[in-house]
C-alpha atoms as a PDB file:
ATOM      1  CA  MET A   1      54.561  94.949 105.003  1.00  0.00           C
ATOM      2  CA  LYS A   2      51.770  97.402 105.423  1.00  0.00           C
ATOM      3  CA  LYS A   3      50.989  96.070 108.911  1.00  0.00           C
ATOM      4  CA  ILE A   4      54.623  96.741 109.943  1.00  0.00           C
ATOM      5  CA  LYS A   5      54.400 100.314 108.707  1.00  0.00           C
ATOM      6  CA  PHE A   6      51.072 100.917 110.413  1.00  0.00           C
ATOM      7  CA  TRP A   7      52.415  99.684 113.763  1.00  0.00           C
ATOM      8  CA  GLY A   8      55.707 101.548 113.239  1.00  0.00           C
ATOM      9  CA  VAL A   9      53.690 104.855 112.817  1.00  0.00           C
ATOM     10  CA  PHE A  10      51.401 103.871 115.773  1.00  0.00           C
ATOM     11  CA  VAL A  11      54.494 103.293 117.982  1.00  0.00           C
ATOM     12  CA  ILE A  12      56.164 106.537 116.910  1.00  0.00           C
ATOM     13  CA  PHE A  13      52.909 108.600 117.390  1.00  0.00           C
ATOM     14  CA  GLY A  14      52.544 106.980 120.980  1.00  0.00           C
ATOM     15  CA  LEU A  15      56.145 107.674 121.842  1.00  0.00           C
ATOM     16  CA  VAL A  16      55.909 111.425 120.779  1.00  0.00           C
ATOM     17  CA  SER A  17      52.563 111.682 122.621  1.00  0.00           C
ATOM     18  CA  PHE A  18      54.125 110.319 125.783  1.00  0.00           C
ATOM     19  CA  LEU A  19      57.178 112.574 125.656  1.00  0.00           C
ATOM     20  CA  LEU A  20      55.076 115.656 125.112  1.00  0.00           C
ATOM     21  CA  SER A  21      52.840 114.814 128.063  1.00  0.00           C
ATOM     22  CA  CYS A  22      55.783 114.327 130.494  1.00  0.00           C
ATOM     23  CA  GLY A  23      56.095 118.165 131.044  1.00  0.00           C
ATOM     24  CA  VAL A  24      54.024 119.962 133.545  1.00  0.00           C
ATOM     25  CA  SER A  25      51.528 122.446 131.995  1.00  0.00           C
ATOM     26  CA  LYS A  26      51.441 126.119 132.994  1.00  0.00           C
ATOM     27  CA  GLU A  27      48.003 125.490 134.417  1.00  0.00           C
ATOM     28  CA  SER A  28      49.247 122.631 136.605  1.00  0.00           C
ATOM     29  CA  LEU A  29      52.261 124.502 137.817  1.00  0.00           C
ATOM     30  CA  THR A  30      50.035 127.536 138.598  1.00  0.00           C
ATOM     31  CA  LYS A  31      47.760 125.393 140.681  1.00  0.00           C
ATOM     32  CA  GLN A  32      50.805 123.742 142.508  1.00  0.00           C
ATOM     33  CA  VAL A  33      52.301 127.082 143.212  1.00  0.00           C
ATOM     34  CA  GLN A  34      49.041 128.609 144.556  1.00  0.00           C
ATOM     35  CA  GLU A  35      48.599 125.518 146.878  1.00  0.00           C
ATOM     36  CA  SER A  36      52.119 126.069 148.108  1.00  0.00           C
ATOM     37  CA  ILE A  37      51.443 129.845 148.811  1.00  0.00           C
ATOM     38  CA  VAL A  38      48.257 129.049 150.694  1.00  0.00           C
ATOM     39  CA  GLU A  39      49.916 126.315 152.756  1.00  0.00           C
ATOM     40  CA  THR A  40      52.816 128.606 153.584  1.00  0.00           C
ATOM     41  CA  TYR A  41      50.626 131.489 154.696  1.00  0.00           C
ATOM     42  CA  LYS A  42      48.406 129.092 156.760  1.00  0.00           C
ATOM     43  CA  GLU A  43      51.492 127.675 158.552  1.00  0.00           C
ATOM     44  CA  SER A  44      52.582 131.211 159.432  1.00  0.00           C
ATOM     45  CA  GLY A  45      49.539 131.909 161.505  1.00  0.00           C
ATOM     46  CA  ASN A  46      46.686 132.504 158.907  1.00  0.00           C
ATOM     47  CA  PRO A  47      44.526 129.394 159.249  1.00  0.00           C
ATOM     48  CA  ASN A  48      41.430 130.999 157.736  1.00  0.00           C
ATOM     49  CA  LEU A  49      43.307 132.261 154.654  1.00  0.00           C
ATOM     50  CA  LYS A  50      41.232 132.837 151.438  1.00  0.00           C
ATOM     51  CA  VAL A  51      42.462 133.475 148.026  1.00  0.00           C
ATOM     52  CA  THR A  52      40.398 136.392 146.541  1.00  0.00           C
ATOM     53  CA  LYS A  53      42.151 136.442 143.161  1.00  0.00           C
ATOM     54  CA  ASP A  54      43.726 133.266 141.831  1.00  0.00           C
ATOM     55  CA  LEU A  55      47.356 133.171 140.939  1.00  0.00           C
ATOM     56  CA  ILE A  56      48.073 134.171 137.346  1.00  0.00           C
ATOM     57  CA  LEU A  57      51.481 133.300 136.072  1.00  0.00           C
ATOM     58  CA  VAL A  58      53.203 134.668 133.000  1.00  0.00           C
ATOM     59  CA  GLN A  59      56.188 132.900 131.495  1.00  0.00           C
ATOM     60  CA  LYS A  60      59.268 135.271 131.310  1.00  0.00           C
ATOM     61  CA  SER A  61      61.760 132.760 130.082  1.00  0.00           C
ATOM     62  CA  LYS A  62      62.123 129.001 129.794  1.00  0.00           C
ATOM     63  CA  THR A  63      62.492 128.556 133.566  1.00  0.00           C
ATOM     64  CA  GLU A  64      61.047 131.762 134.975  1.00  0.00           C
ATOM     65  CA  TYR A  65      57.507 132.848 135.628  1.00  0.00           C
ATOM     66  CA  THR A  66      56.038 135.995 137.233  1.00  0.00           C
ATOM     67  CA  GLY A  67      52.524 136.766 138.516  1.00  0.00           C
ATOM     68  CA  SER A  68      50.356 137.970 141.338  1.00  0.00           C
ATOM     69  CA  ILE A  69      47.836 136.683 143.839  1.00  0.00           C
ATOM     70  CA  THR A  70      45.511 138.520 146.342  1.00  0.00           C
ATOM     71  CA  LEU A  71      44.962 136.971 149.688  1.00  0.00           C
ATOM     72  CA  ASP A  72      42.481 137.620 152.533  1.00  0.00           C
ATOM     73  CA  LEU A  73      44.528 137.459 155.731  1.00  0.00           C
ATOM     74  CA  MET A  74      43.624 137.837 159.234  1.00  0.00           C
ATOM     75  CA  ASN A  75      45.556 139.325 162.125  1.00  0.00           C
ATOM     76  CA  ASN A  76      44.440 139.404 165.784  1.00  0.00           C
ATOM     77  CA  TRP A  77      41.462 141.803 164.980  1.00  0.00           C
ATOM     78  CA  ASP A  78      41.002 142.510 161.321  1.00  0.00           C
ATOM     79  CA  LEU A  79      40.585 140.783 157.990  1.00  0.00           C
ATOM     80  CA  PHE A  80      42.645 142.548 155.295  1.00  0.00           C
ATOM     81  CA  GLN A  81      43.755 141.831 151.785  1.00  0.00           C
ATOM     82  CA  LYS A  82      47.315 141.688 150.605  1.00  0.00           C
ATOM     83  CA  THR A  83      48.275 141.461 146.998  1.00  0.00           C
ATOM     84  CA  LEU A  84      51.612 139.710 146.376  1.00  0.00           C
ATOM     85  CA  SER A  85      53.987 139.627 143.362  1.00  0.00           C
ATOM     86  CA  ILE A  86      55.109 136.171 142.785  1.00  0.00           C
ATOM     87  CA  ASP A  87      58.327 135.010 141.040  1.00  0.00           C
ATOM     88  CA  VAL A  88      58.684 131.299 140.188  1.00  0.00           C
ATOM     89  CA  ILE A  89      61.587 129.329 139.038  1.00  0.00           C
ATOM     90  CA  PHE A  90      60.664 126.024 137.530  1.00  0.00           C
ATOM     91  CA  ASP A  91      63.245 123.526 136.283  1.00  0.00           C
ATOM     92  CA  GLY A  92      60.741 121.024 134.748  1.00  0.00           C
ATOM     93  CA  LYS A  93      60.403 118.883 137.912  1.00  0.00           C
ATOM     94  CA  THR A  94      60.365 121.383 140.957  1.00  0.00           C
ATOM     95  CA  PHE A  95      59.623 124.840 141.604  1.00  0.00           C
ATOM     96  CA  GLN A  96      60.658 127.600 143.971  1.00  0.00           C
ATOM     97  CA  TRP A  97      58.661 130.745 144.645  1.00  0.00           C
ATOM     98  CA  THR A  98      59.248 134.032 146.200  1.00  0.00           C
ATOM     99  CA  ALA A  99      56.644 136.652 147.108  1.00  0.00           C
ATOM    100  CA  SER A 100      56.874 140.427 147.579  1.00  0.00           C
ATOM    101  CA  GLU A 101      54.087 142.806 148.694  1.00  0.00           C
ATOM    102  CA  ARG A 102      52.735 145.060 145.923  1.00  0.00           C
ATOM    103  CA  ASN A 103      52.422 148.743 146.756  1.00  0.00           C
END
């Protein structure tokens, strides 16, 4: 009887651990969004893009995050920095980000 209780507790613990680990952590989401931002800017004509300040996200609600990132961008002649405000909507599986230039 004690073996059955032990295995029951073990199975329940494993199941709870599995369910808790299924979600994406904020750190993982931040990394994925930053990679997406860099990829998007590189595709738009900035192949030498560098991130000078990593993306920092703050959770506003269950599905909404906000943050900022500073990028080194190059036009035809100059290298310049652009700081962007980032808004992210994350449904638990996919995300969508929008960026606006900070003043």
